[in-house]
Amino acid sequence: ESIIEEEKLNFQHTIIESKNEIQNLTNTLYQENSFALNFITNTSDALTTKIIGFSISLKGNKSYYIPYQEEYINLLQPVFEDPNISKIGFDIKFQIKILKRFNISLNGEIFDVELAHYLLYPEKRHALGILTEQYLNRKLQDKESIIGRGKLKAELISLKREVISSYAVQQSNAIFDLVEFLNKELVLVGLKKLYTKLEMPLIIVLAEMEFEGVNLDSNMLLEYSKVLSDKLQDYISHIYSLAGVQFNISSPKQMGEVLFDKLQLSKKPKKTKSGQYSTSEETLLKLKDEHPIISEILEFRAIKKLLSTYVEALPALVNPLTNRLHTTFNQSVASTGRLSSVNPNLQNIPIRTSRGMQVRKAFIPRSEEYSLLAADYSQIELRIMALLSEDKAMIRAFNEGIDIHSETASKVYKVAVSDVNKTMRSNAKAVNFGIIYGISPFGLAQNIGISRKEAKEIIDQYFEEFSGVKKYMDTIIDQAREFKYVETLMGRRRYLPDINSQNAVIRSVAERNAMNAPIQGSAADIIKQAMINIHEVINQRGMKSKMLLQVHDELVF
């Protein structure tokens, strides 16, 4: 079938020009049970962007474009807040945050087209243009076709109203029309409940967290940046004297030449695809004992990364209007169901080093009256493993409050729990978490620095002691082979098209995902449910406390 060009459809739409017309629109919307909403903005930052206008689409191909005026938005407040009218969007969280700027909440049932497609096809791309072609067989006008590219690129805001309104309405119209198809599919594969009970309510929770933001002590980071920069200079002069030559330490090419041509630290140095020497962290760690320059280089890199990724970058991202740092949580990116965080990513603030801890200290409460509180789940993935596998030894350890890693060590090394030493416990911890990810003897050997033979013995011993886990792993892989997908406790799916591949490497990746996705995905679902419940209680009690961040199995208040 040929794809219909949207321009040829040329939706009849009304451009709203006056308060009177807004009033008429309000009356029309009250007679509807749902409409699609789509804001057109200058940038993708909902809290600071200039709003150009917005479009609204209803059934029967009726669409309206409303050029931005604060008064117009305020006049539509009763409709936005009416619980009996459902609202449809693509990335509806963005629309919610824009309305929050005017103290307006989006009430009633909400439907997010992007999120629905993500639940159905976690691995695919969810762009509106792609969905419109796929489901509605029409082609959306893309942004670049109206604003141009390169030097001729115009600002959206400078375009003629007719051009912008037509572009906006095409989108809201497609968003409205997509619901019917996606809804049917959600019901068909049994994902409707997960969608309405978990993912949809979470949107509101995330919007509030993102809108709230978190306070950052920028002055502290500025001071720390000076300290680190001085430290960096020390490392540079150390490295130069150890190398006996000055070179650009940040250039992998120059560093490779120094390490492997001049200092000859390896007989057979590994090369990259482009033919230059590899200086990856993995390569350098293997050479750590060959020359003191290696640990200096690793330290140099660690400081440089800390500076560029956090210490210098975070203060620049503080919102000038709120004086706070506002991350965006992506709900439709990770195929496991986990949230990710961008601009800035606040889920990977380093914690394992004392320097990283300094960066954490820069996150401070909003004022003297507040404190920060972090709460996390204890070994949530291992508890889910115990639940799914029904392994008796594992369940007993959790129920009796025994330290699961010491328990594993005592079983694997065949010693009493009281005789488990630090190394044994830490190796057992690597095994416990490794098993969840379908670790191989080779992987375990590399992780804890033992021979592959020893690693294989440890894994075999583990499966002998925790036979329920072994049985669960085998069963889940058999199920995946049969159905080509696995599910979490709440029914979230992870599709595994390569599970029966002839290629052993590709197949083993799919097998590892089959073992891990139900566990990691269930952990993601559980904390999402917790966030919804907590948000409800905070509101019911009218508490001043705010939920600020989610870091996978941890919440920060």
Protein backbone atom coordinates (compact mmCIF):
# COMPACT_ATOMS: atom_id res chain seq x y z
CA GLU A 1 0.00 0.00 0.00
CA SER A 2 1.27 3.45 -0.73
CA ILE A 3 1.81 5.71 2.23
CA ILE A 4 -0.40 8.79 2.10
CA GLU A 5 1.48 12.07 2.45
CA GLU A 6 -0.01 14.01 5.38
CA GLU A 7 0.12 17.30 3.43
CA LYS A 8 -2.27 15.82 0.88
CA LEU A 9 -4.67 14.92 3.66
CA ASN A 10 -4.33 18.52 4.81
CA PHE A 11 -6.40 18.29 7.95
CA GLN A 12 -9.06 20.92 8.21
CA HIS A 13 -8.12 22.66 11.39
CA THR A 14 -9.14 25.80 13.17
CA ILE A 15 -6.61 28.37 14.36
CA ILE A 16 -7.92 29.92 17.57
CA GLU A 17 -7.56 33.71 17.46
CA SER A 18 -9.55 35.08 20.42
CA LYS A 19 -10.85 34.54 23.95
CA ASN A 20 -14.28 34.03 22.52
CA GLU A 21 -13.05 31.16 20.35
CA ILE A 22 -11.28 29.62 23.37
CA GLN A 23 -14.63 29.68 25.17
CA ASN A 24 -16.27 27.88 22.24
CA LEU A 25 -13.42 25.34 22.21
CA THR A 26 -13.91 24.75 25.95
CA ASN A 27 -17.60 23.99 25.36
CA THR A 28 -16.72 21.60 22.52
CA LEU A 29 -14.15 19.78 24.68
CA TYR A 30 -16.66 19.30 27.50
CA GLN A 31 -18.80 17.25 25.12
CA GLU A 32 -15.86 14.92 24.34
CA ASN A 33 -14.59 12.04 26.43
CA SER A 34 -11.00 12.38 25.18
CA PHE A 35 -8.62 14.58 23.21
CA ALA A 36 -4.96 14.56 22.15
CA LEU A 37 -2.69 17.37 23.30
CA ASN A 38 0.61 18.38 21.72
CA PHE A 39 2.78 21.38 22.69
CA ILE A 40 5.13 22.90 20.13
CA THR A 41 8.19 24.34 21.84
CA ASN A 42 11.55 25.82 21.04
CA THR A 43 13.68 23.30 22.97
CA SER A 44 13.18 19.95 24.69
CA ASP A 45 13.53 21.34 28.23
CA ALA A 46 9.95 21.62 29.46
CA LEU A 47 10.87 23.88 32.38
CA THR A 48 12.65 26.64 30.45
CA THR A 49 11.53 26.36 26.84
CA LYS A 50 9.60 29.03 24.97
CA ILE A 51 6.14 27.74 24.09
CA ILE A 52 5.14 28.45 20.50
CA GLY A 53 1.64 27.01 20.63
CA PHE A 54 -0.26 23.77 21.03
CA SER A 55 -2.69 21.64 19.12
CA ILE A 56 -5.69 19.64 20.23
CA SER A 57 -7.32 16.83 18.20
CA LEU A 58 -10.65 15.08 18.74
CA LYS A 59 -12.56 12.30 17.04
CA GLY A 60 -13.94 12.92 13.58
CA ASN A 61 -10.65 14.52 12.44
CA LYS A 62 -11.47 17.74 14.32
CA SER A 63 -8.33 19.69 15.21
CA TYR A 64 -7.43 23.07 16.66
CA TYR A 65 -4.21 25.05 16.85
CA ILE A 66 -3.84 27.55 19.69
CA PRO A 67 -0.96 30.05 19.37
CA TYR A 68 0.72 30.57 22.72
CA GLN A 69 -0.85 33.07 25.09
CA GLU A 70 -0.76 32.53 28.82
CA GLU A 71 -4.37 33.68 29.04
CA TYR A 72 -5.50 30.97 26.59
CA ILE A 73 -3.84 28.23 28.63
CA ASN A 74 -5.40 29.53 31.83
CA LEU A 75 -8.85 29.67 30.22
CA LEU A 76 -8.52 25.98 29.31
CA GLN A 77 -7.53 25.01 32.88
CA PRO A 78 -10.99 23.56 33.79
CA VAL A 79 -10.82 21.22 30.78
CA PHE A 80 -7.24 20.11 31.52
CA GLU A 81 -8.23 19.44 35.14
CA ASP A 82 -11.54 17.71 34.39
CA PRO A 83 -11.24 14.10 35.64
CA ASN A 84 -13.94 12.89 33.23
CA ILE A 85 -12.05 13.74 30.05
CA SER A 86 -9.10 11.52 29.18
CA LYS A 87 -5.99 13.10 27.72
CA ILE A 88 -3.77 11.51 25.07
CA GLY A 89 -0.17 12.45 24.31
CA PHE A 90 3.15 11.35 22.91
CA ASP A 91 5.64 11.72 25.79
CA ILE A 92 2.77 13.12 27.81
CA LYS A 93 5.11 13.80 30.75
CA PHE A 94 6.52 16.72 28.74
CA GLN A 95 3.00 18.20 28.31
CA ILE A 96 2.31 17.66 32.05
CA LYS A 97 5.50 19.54 33.02
CA ILE A 98 4.64 22.45 30.74
CA LEU A 99 1.18 22.78 32.32
CA LYS A 100 2.75 22.56 35.79
CA ARG A 101 4.51 25.83 34.96
CA PHE A 102 1.03 27.43 35.02
CA ASN A 103 0.00 25.51 38.17
CA ILE A 104 -2.33 23.39 36.08
CA SER A 105 -2.58 19.63 36.52
CA LEU A 106 -3.59 17.20 33.82
CA ASN A 107 -6.34 15.14 35.45
CA GLY A 108 -8.41 12.23 34.22
CA GLU A 109 -7.20 9.08 32.53
CA ILE A 110 -4.03 9.61 30.51
CA PHE A 111 -2.76 7.62 27.56
CA ASP A 112 0.82 7.88 26.30
CA VAL A 113 1.24 6.54 22.79
CA GLU A 114 5.04 6.31 23.05
CA LEU A 115 4.87 4.34 26.29
CA ALA A 116 2.23 1.96 24.96
CA HIS A 117 4.45 1.11 21.99
CA TYR A 118 7.45 0.70 24.31
CA LEU A 119 5.60 -1.86 26.43
CA LEU A 120 4.58 -3.78 23.31
CA TYR A 121 7.99 -3.59 21.60
CA PRO A 122 10.67 -2.70 24.18
CA GLU A 123 13.53 -3.20 21.69
CA LYS A 124 12.13 -1.10 18.83
CA ARG A 125 12.19 2.64 18.12
CA HIS A 126 9.10 4.56 19.20
CA ALA A 127 9.31 7.80 17.20
CA LEU A 128 5.93 9.29 16.29
CA GLY A 129 6.78 9.35 12.57
CA ILE A 130 7.58 5.63 12.59
CA LEU A 131 4.36 4.70 14.43
CA THR A 132 2.27 6.89 12.12
CA GLU A 133 3.64 5.16 9.02
CA GLN A 134 3.36 1.71 10.55
CA TYR A 135 -0.16 1.88 11.99
CA LEU A 136 -1.92 4.69 10.11
CA ASN A 137 -0.14 4.36 6.77
CA ARG A 138 0.53 8.06 6.50
CA LYS A 139 3.67 10.13 6.48
CA LEU A 140 4.20 12.88 9.03
CA GLN A 141 5.88 16.10 8.03
CA ASP A 142 9.22 15.98 9.81
CA LYS A 143 10.60 18.99 11.65
CA GLU A 144 13.61 19.37 9.35
CA SER A 145 11.42 19.65 6.28
CA ILE A 146 9.88 22.83 7.67
CA ILE A 147 12.82 24.45 9.46
CA GLY A 148 15.53 23.38 7.00
CA ARG A 149 19.00 22.07 7.72
CA GLY A 150 22.49 23.41 8.30
CA LYS A 151 23.11 27.13 7.73
CA LEU A 152 19.62 27.76 6.38
CA LYS A 153 18.01 26.28 9.49
CA ALA A 154 15.32 28.55 10.90
CA GLU A 155 13.90 28.70 14.40
CA LEU A 156 10.47 27.06 14.66
CA ILE A 157 9.19 30.22 16.30
CA SER A 158 10.01 32.33 13.23
CA LEU A 159 7.86 30.29 10.84
CA LYS A 160 4.47 31.37 9.53
CA ARG A 161 1.56 30.46 11.78
CA GLU A 162 -0.06 28.37 9.00
CA VAL A 163 3.08 26.25 8.66
CA ILE A 164 3.44 25.63 12.39
CA SER A 165 -0.28 24.97 12.92
CA SER A 166 -0.39 22.41 10.13
CA TYR A 167 2.76 20.69 11.51
CA ALA A 168 1.33 20.66 15.06
CA VAL A 169 -2.09 19.38 14.06
CA GLN A 170 -0.68 16.54 11.95
CA GLN A 171 1.02 15.32 15.11
CA SER A 172 -1.91 15.60 17.52
CA ASN A 173 -4.16 14.00 14.91
CA ALA A 174 -1.81 11.02 14.51
CA ILE A 175 -1.51 10.74 18.32
CA PHE A 176 -5.31 10.62 18.63
CA ASP A 177 -5.69 8.02 15.88
CA LEU A 178 -2.94 5.74 17.22
CA VAL A 179 -4.67 5.06 20.53
CA GLU A 180 -7.24 2.68 19.08
CA PHE A 181 -4.58 0.44 17.49
CA LEU A 182 -2.20 0.41 20.47
CA ASN A 183 -5.01 -0.17 22.94
CA LYS A 184 -6.20 -3.24 21.03
CA GLU A 185 -2.67 -4.63 20.99
CA LEU A 186 -2.14 -4.04 24.72
CA VAL A 187 -5.34 -5.96 25.47
CA LEU A 188 -4.43 -8.72 23.01
CA VAL A 189 -1.05 -9.53 24.61
CA GLY A 190 -2.24 -9.04 28.18
CA LEU A 191 -0.22 -5.88 28.90
CA LYS A 192 -3.14 -3.53 29.50
CA LYS A 193 -3.09 -3.97 33.29
CA LEU A 194 0.66 -3.29 33.58
CA TYR A 195 0.12 -0.21 31.41
CA THR A 196 -2.84 1.28 33.31
CA LYS A 197 -1.87 0.25 36.84
CA LEU A 198 1.89 0.79 36.77
CA GLU A 199 3.30 2.77 33.85
CA MET A 200 0.55 5.39 33.51
CA PRO A 201 0.32 6.44 37.20
CA LEU A 202 4.13 6.54 37.31
CA ILE A 203 4.18 9.33 34.68
CA ILE A 204 2.56 11.74 37.15
CA VAL A 205 5.02 10.71 39.89
CA LEU A 206 8.05 11.23 37.62
CA ALA A 207 6.75 14.58 36.35
CA GLU A 208 6.57 15.84 39.94
CA MET A 209 10.06 14.54 40.77
CA GLU A 210 11.56 16.14 37.67
CA PHE A 211 9.71 19.40 38.30
CA GLU A 212 10.92 19.48 41.91
CA GLY A 213 14.59 19.00 41.00
CA VAL A 214 17.42 18.71 43.49
CA ASN A 215 19.59 21.33 45.16
CA LEU A 216 23.27 21.43 44.22
CA ASP A 217 26.07 23.15 46.12
CA SER A 218 27.73 24.67 43.05
CA ASN A 219 30.26 26.63 45.12
CA MET A 220 31.49 23.44 46.73
CA LEU A 221 31.97 21.87 43.29
CA LEU A 222 33.79 24.99 42.08
CA GLU A 223 36.24 24.66 44.98
CA TYR A 224 36.59 20.94 44.37
CA SER A 225 37.24 21.56 40.70
CA LYS A 226 40.31 23.66 41.67
CA VAL A 227 41.56 20.87 43.95
CA LEU A 228 41.16 18.25 41.21
CA SER A 229 42.75 20.46 38.54
CA ASP A 230 45.85 20.89 40.73
CA LYS A 231 45.92 17.13 41.29
CA LEU A 232 45.67 16.59 37.54
CA GLN A 233 48.75 18.78 37.00
CA ASP A 234 50.68 16.64 39.51
CA TYR A 235 49.76 13.47 37.62
CA ILE A 236 50.72 15.05 34.29
CA SER A 237 54.23 15.91 35.51
CA HIS A 238 54.63 12.42 37.10
CA ILE A 239 53.57 10.75 33.85
CA TYR A 240 55.94 12.92 31.80
CA SER A 241 58.89 12.08 34.03
CA LEU A 242 58.08 8.35 34.03
CA ALA A 243 57.73 8.38 30.24
CA GLY A 244 60.82 10.53 29.73
CA VAL A 245 58.89 12.50 27.11
CA GLN A 246 56.02 14.96 26.96
CA PHE A 247 52.92 13.87 25.03
CA ASN A 248 49.16 14.40 24.95
CA ILE A 249 47.93 12.01 27.65
CA SER A 250 44.36 12.34 26.38
CA SER A 251 45.35 11.06 22.94
CA PRO A 252 45.08 7.23 22.80
CA LYS A 253 47.32 7.27 19.68
CA GLN A 254 50.18 9.18 21.36
CA MET A 255 49.82 7.20 24.58
CA GLY A 256 49.96 3.91 22.67
CA GLU A 257 53.20 4.97 21.00
CA VAL A 258 54.74 5.91 24.37
CA LEU A 259 53.68 2.70 26.14
CA PHE A 260 54.36 0.18 23.39
CA ASP A 261 57.02 1.69 21.08
CA LYS A 262 59.08 3.67 23.58
CA LEU A 263 58.57 1.78 26.87
CA GLN A 264 57.78 -1.57 25.18
CA LEU A 265 55.42 -2.70 27.95
CA SER A 266 54.00 -5.60 25.97
CA LYS A 267 55.47 -8.13 23.56
CA LYS A 268 52.22 -8.41 21.61
CA PRO A 269 50.27 -5.18 22.13
CA LYS A 270 46.56 -5.35 21.27
CA LYS A 271 45.45 -3.12 18.39
CA THR A 272 42.13 -1.45 17.62
CA LYS A 273 40.24 -1.81 14.32
CA SER A 274 41.93 1.34 12.98
CA GLY A 275 45.33 -0.26 13.56
CA GLN A 276 46.53 1.87 16.47
CA TYR A 277 47.48 0.43 19.85
CA SER A 278 44.60 -0.19 22.26
CA THR A 279 44.86 1.83 25.49
CA SER A 280 41.46 0.85 26.88
CA GLU A 281 41.04 0.54 30.63
CA GLU A 282 40.93 -3.26 30.25
CA THR A 283 44.28 -3.26 28.38
CA LEU A 284 45.92 -0.94 30.91
CA LEU A 285 44.71 -2.92 33.94
CA LYS A 286 46.43 -6.03 32.58
CA LEU A 287 49.71 -4.08 32.39
CA LYS A 288 49.41 -2.58 35.87
CA ASP A 289 52.37 -4.52 37.28
CA GLU A 290 54.63 -3.86 34.27
CA HIS A 291 55.37 -0.19 35.00
CA PRO A 292 54.37 2.48 37.58
CA ILE A 293 53.23 4.78 34.72
CA ILE A 294 50.08 2.66 34.24
CA SER A 295 48.50 3.38 37.62
CA GLU A 296 49.34 7.09 37.18
CA ILE A 297 47.57 7.10 33.79
CA LEU A 298 44.53 5.35 35.26
CA GLU A 299 44.36 7.94 38.06
CA PHE A 300 44.75 10.77 35.53
CA ARG A 301 41.84 9.38 33.50
CA ALA A 302 39.64 8.90 36.56
CA ILE A 303 40.14 12.52 37.67
CA LYS A 304 39.65 13.89 34.17
CA LYS A 305 36.40 11.96 33.78
CA LEU A 306 35.16 13.09 37.18
CA LEU A 307 35.91 16.70 36.27
CA SER A 308 34.32 16.69 32.84
CA THR A 309 31.30 14.50 33.63
CA TYR A 310 30.36 15.85 37.05
CA VAL A 311 32.40 18.50 38.80
CA GLU A 312 32.42 20.99 35.91
CA ALA A 313 29.31 19.75 34.08
CA LEU A 314 26.69 19.67 36.86
CA PRO A 315 26.79 23.35 37.93
CA ALA A 316 26.33 24.35 34.27
CA LEU A 317 23.06 22.36 34.17
CA VAL A 318 21.46 24.12 37.14
CA ASN A 319 18.18 25.74 36.04
CA PRO A 320 18.56 29.53 36.36
CA LEU A 321 14.87 29.98 37.26
CA THR A 322 14.69 27.39 40.05
CA ASN A 323 18.36 27.22 40.99
CA ARG A 324 18.04 23.44 41.00
CA LEU A 325 19.18 20.50 38.93
CA HIS A 326 16.32 18.84 37.00
CA THR A 327 16.99 15.45 35.47
CA THR A 328 14.62 13.70 33.05
CA PHE A 329 13.69 10.09 33.78
CA ASN A 330 13.22 8.03 30.63
CA GLN A 331 10.46 5.49 30.99
CA SER A 332 10.66 4.05 27.47
CA VAL A 333 14.34 3.34 26.87
CA ALA A 334 15.74 0.36 28.81
CA SER A 335 14.27 -2.90 27.54
CA THR A 336 14.42 -4.39 31.06
CA GLY A 337 11.84 -1.89 32.34
CA ARG A 338 14.36 0.12 34.36
CA LEU A 339 14.24 3.90 34.32
CA SER A 340 17.16 5.82 32.91
CA SER A 341 18.12 9.40 33.74
CA VAL A 342 19.44 12.06 31.32
CA ASN A 343 20.52 15.72 31.22
CA PRO A 344 22.11 15.13 33.68
CA ASN A 345 22.26 11.43 34.45
CA LEU A 346 21.79 11.36 38.22
CA GLN A 347 21.72 7.56 38.46
CA ASN A 348 25.47 7.14 38.06
CA ILE A 349 26.96 9.63 40.49
CA PRO A 350 30.09 7.70 41.58
CA ILE A 351 30.17 6.22 45.06
CA ARG A 352 32.99 3.69 45.18
CA THR A 353 35.86 6.18 45.46
CA SER A 354 36.47 8.91 48.00
CA ARG A 355 36.61 11.43 45.14
CA GLY A 356 33.22 10.27 43.92
CA MET A 357 31.82 10.69 47.42
CA GLN A 358 32.86 14.34 47.29
CA VAL A 359 30.57 14.79 44.28
CA ARG A 360 27.70 13.18 46.22
CA LYS A 361 28.24 15.69 49.02
CA ALA A 362 27.36 18.47 46.59
CA PHE A 363 23.74 17.23 46.56
CA ILE A 364 22.15 19.08 49.45
CA PRO A 365 18.65 19.60 50.90
CA ARG A 366 16.63 22.55 49.58
CA SER A 367 17.00 24.51 52.87
CA GLU A 368 17.90 24.29 56.56
CA GLU A 369 14.48 22.81 57.38
CA TYR A 370 15.04 19.75 55.20
CA SER A 371 17.35 16.72 55.25
CA LEU A 372 18.10 14.21 52.52
CA LEU A 373 17.05 10.61 53.10
CA ALA A 374 17.98 7.65 50.91
CA ALA A 375 16.24 4.29 51.24
CA ASP A 376 17.07 1.22 49.23
CA TYR A 377 15.98 -2.37 48.86
CA SER A 378 18.25 -4.97 50.40
CA GLN A 379 19.42 -7.45 47.74
CA ILE A 380 16.13 -7.14 45.89
CA GLU A 381 17.27 -9.15 42.85
CA LEU A 382 18.44 -12.09 44.97
CA ARG A 383 15.15 -12.06 46.89
CA ILE A 384 13.27 -12.17 43.57
CA MET A 385 15.52 -15.03 42.50
CA ALA A 386 14.57 -16.87 45.71
CA LEU A 387 10.88 -16.24 44.97
CA LEU A 388 10.99 -17.29 41.31
CA SER A 389 13.20 -20.35 41.83
CA GLU A 390 11.55 -21.42 45.11
CA ASP A 391 15.02 -22.58 46.18
CA LYS A 392 14.71 -23.83 49.75
CA ALA A 393 18.23 -22.94 50.93
CA MET A 394 17.96 -19.41 49.57
CA ILE A 395 14.47 -18.80 51.01
CA ARG A 396 15.63 -20.10 54.41
CA ALA A 397 18.63 -17.74 54.42
CA PHE A 398 16.39 -14.72 53.71
CA ASN A 399 13.67 -15.75 56.14
CA GLU A 400 16.15 -16.29 58.96
CA GLY A 401 17.98 -13.05 58.24
CA ILE A 402 21.26 -14.83 57.47
CA ASP A 403 23.71 -12.83 55.35
CA ILE A 404 23.11 -14.37 51.93
CA HIS A 405 26.70 -13.90 50.71
CA SER A 406 28.21 -15.59 53.80
CA GLU A 407 25.63 -18.36 53.45
CA THR A 408 26.59 -18.89 49.80
CA ALA A 409 30.31 -18.83 50.70
CA SER A 410 29.83 -21.42 53.44
CA LYS A 411 28.04 -23.73 51.00
CA VAL A 412 30.39 -23.24 48.05
CA TYR A 413 33.59 -23.50 50.10
CA LYS A 414 32.13 -26.13 52.45
CA VAL A 415 33.03 -24.32 55.68
CA ALA A 416 30.93 -23.14 58.63
CA VAL A 417 29.39 -19.65 58.24
CA SER A 418 31.59 -18.50 61.15
CA ASP A 419 34.72 -19.53 59.21
CA VAL A 420 33.90 -17.54 56.07
CA ASN A 421 36.59 -14.92 55.51
CA LYS A 422 36.38 -11.61 53.60
CA THR A 423 37.73 -13.04 50.34
CA MET A 424 35.32 -15.97 50.42
CA ARG A 425 32.38 -13.67 51.05
CA SER A 426 33.36 -11.27 48.30
CA ASN A 427 33.83 -14.16 45.83
CA ALA A 428 30.44 -15.56 46.85
CA LYS A 429 28.91 -12.13 46.27
CA ALA A 430 30.35 -12.12 42.74
CA VAL A 431 28.81 -15.56 42.22
CA ASN A 432 25.40 -14.58 43.63
CA PHE A 433 25.08 -11.56 41.37
CA GLY A 434 26.84 -13.29 38.49
CA ILE A 435 24.37 -16.18 38.47
CA ILE A 436 21.49 -13.69 37.96
CA TYR A 437 23.27 -12.48 34.82
CA GLY A 438 24.03 -16.00 33.59
CA ILE A 439 27.78 -15.62 34.21
CA SER A 440 30.19 -18.11 32.57
CA PRO A 441 33.21 -19.69 34.31
CA PHE A 442 35.37 -17.41 32.12
CA GLY A 443 33.45 -14.31 33.24
CA LEU A 444 33.64 -15.26 36.91
CA ALA A 445 37.35 -16.08 36.63
CA GLN A 446 38.00 -12.61 35.19
CA ASN A 447 35.81 -10.88 37.80
CA ILE A 448 37.47 -12.32 40.88
CA GLY A 449 40.92 -13.14 39.53
CA ILE A 450 40.93 -16.94 39.77
CA SER A 451 41.57 -19.67 37.18
CA ARG A 452 38.78 -20.76 34.86
CA LYS A 453 38.94 -24.28 36.36
CA GLU A 454 38.41 -22.91 39.89
CA ALA A 455 35.57 -20.71 38.66
CA LYS A 456 33.85 -23.67 37.02
CA GLU A 457 34.14 -25.66 40.27
CA ILE A 458 32.61 -22.77 42.25
CA ILE A 459 29.66 -22.44 39.82
CA ASP A 460 29.08 -26.22 39.77
CA GLN A 461 29.20 -26.30 43.57
CA TYR A 462 26.76 -23.35 43.72
CA PHE A 463 24.22 -25.14 41.51
CA GLU A 464 24.57 -28.30 43.57
CA GLU A 465 23.82 -26.42 46.79
CA PHE A 466 21.12 -24.18 45.29
CA SER A 467 19.51 -26.77 43.04
CA GLY A 468 16.27 -24.77 42.81
CA VAL A 469 18.15 -21.95 41.09
CA LYS A 470 19.64 -24.34 38.54
CA LYS A 471 16.20 -25.80 37.85
CA TYR A 472 14.71 -22.32 37.43
CA MET A 473 17.47 -21.27 34.99
CA ASP A 474 16.91 -24.37 32.84
CA THR A 475 13.12 -23.94 32.88
CA ILE A 476 13.23 -20.25 31.96
CA ILE A 477 15.53 -20.96 28.99
CA ASP A 478 13.21 -23.75 27.80
CA GLN A 479 10.23 -21.39 28.06
CA ALA A 480 12.10 -18.69 26.17
CA ARG A 481 12.95 -21.19 23.40
CA GLU A 482 9.30 -22.09 23.09
CA PHE A 483 7.64 -18.65 23.35
CA LYS A 484 10.52 -16.37 22.19
CA TYR A 485 9.97 -14.09 25.20
CA VAL A 486 10.17 -14.05 29.01
CA GLU A 487 8.03 -12.16 31.53
CA THR A 488 8.42 -10.35 34.84
CA LEU A 489 6.17 -10.94 37.87
CA MET A 490 3.84 -8.21 36.59
CA GLY A 491 3.80 -9.48 33.02
CA ARG A 492 6.33 -7.12 31.40
CA ARG A 493 7.76 -8.89 28.36
CA ARG A 494 11.28 -9.13 26.99
CA TYR A 495 11.33 -10.59 23.48
CA LEU A 496 14.26 -12.86 22.57
CA PRO A 497 14.24 -13.45 18.80
CA ASP A 498 17.79 -14.88 18.90
CA ILE A 499 17.14 -17.54 21.54
CA ASN A 500 17.24 -20.36 18.95
CA SER A 501 20.02 -18.86 16.81
CA GLN A 502 22.51 -21.26 15.18
CA ASN A 503 25.29 -18.88 16.23
CA ALA A 504 26.40 -19.90 19.73
CA VAL A 505 27.63 -16.40 20.70
CA ILE A 506 24.37 -14.70 19.68
CA ARG A 507 22.35 -17.46 21.30
CA SER A 508 24.20 -17.24 24.61
CA VAL A 509 23.51 -13.48 24.84
CA ALA A 510 19.79 -14.22 24.42
CA GLU A 511 20.02 -16.99 27.05
CA ARG A 512 21.65 -14.61 29.53
CA ASN A 513 18.86 -12.09 28.88
CA ALA A 514 16.28 -14.83 29.40
CA MET A 515 17.73 -15.55 32.85
CA ASN A 516 18.17 -11.94 33.83
CA ALA A 517 15.16 -10.07 32.39
CA PRO A 518 12.48 -11.60 34.68
CA ILE A 519 14.64 -10.77 37.72
CA GLN A 520 15.88 -7.31 36.84
CA GLY A 521 12.53 -6.43 35.25
CA SER A 522 10.57 -7.55 38.32
CA ALA A 523 12.87 -5.45 40.54
CA ALA A 524 12.16 -2.46 38.25
CA ASP A 525 8.40 -3.09 38.45
CA ILE A 526 8.47 -3.41 42.25
CA ILE A 527 10.20 -0.07 42.85
CA LYS A 528 7.88 1.63 40.35
CA GLN A 529 4.93 0.30 42.35
CA ALA A 530 6.58 1.56 45.55
CA MET A 531 7.02 5.03 44.01
CA ILE A 532 3.32 5.19 43.10
CA ASN A 533 2.28 4.06 46.60
CA ILE A 534 4.63 6.49 48.38
CA HIS A 535 3.53 9.39 46.17
CA GLU A 536 -0.08 8.63 47.12
CA VAL A 537 0.65 8.54 50.85
CA ILE A 538 2.69 11.77 50.72
CA ASN A 539 -0.28 13.48 49.03
CA GLN A 540 -2.93 11.96 51.32
CA ARG A 541 -1.06 13.12 54.41
CA GLY A 542 -0.25 16.52 52.93
CA MET A 543 3.41 15.98 53.78
CA LYS A 544 6.12 18.49 52.98
CA SER A 545 8.52 15.70 52.04
CA LYS A 546 9.31 15.19 48.37
CA MET A 547 10.55 12.22 46.41
CA LEU A 548 13.54 13.49 44.40
CA LEU A 549 15.40 10.67 42.68
CA GLN A 550 15.24 7.00 41.81
CA VAL A 551 18.50 5.11 41.43
CA HIS A 552 17.26 1.64 40.38
CA ASP A 553 16.77 0.02 43.81
CA GLU A 554 17.05 3.21 45.84
CA LEU A 555 14.85 6.25 46.39
CA VAL A 556 16.09 9.65 47.54
CA PHE A 557 13.77 11.97 49.48
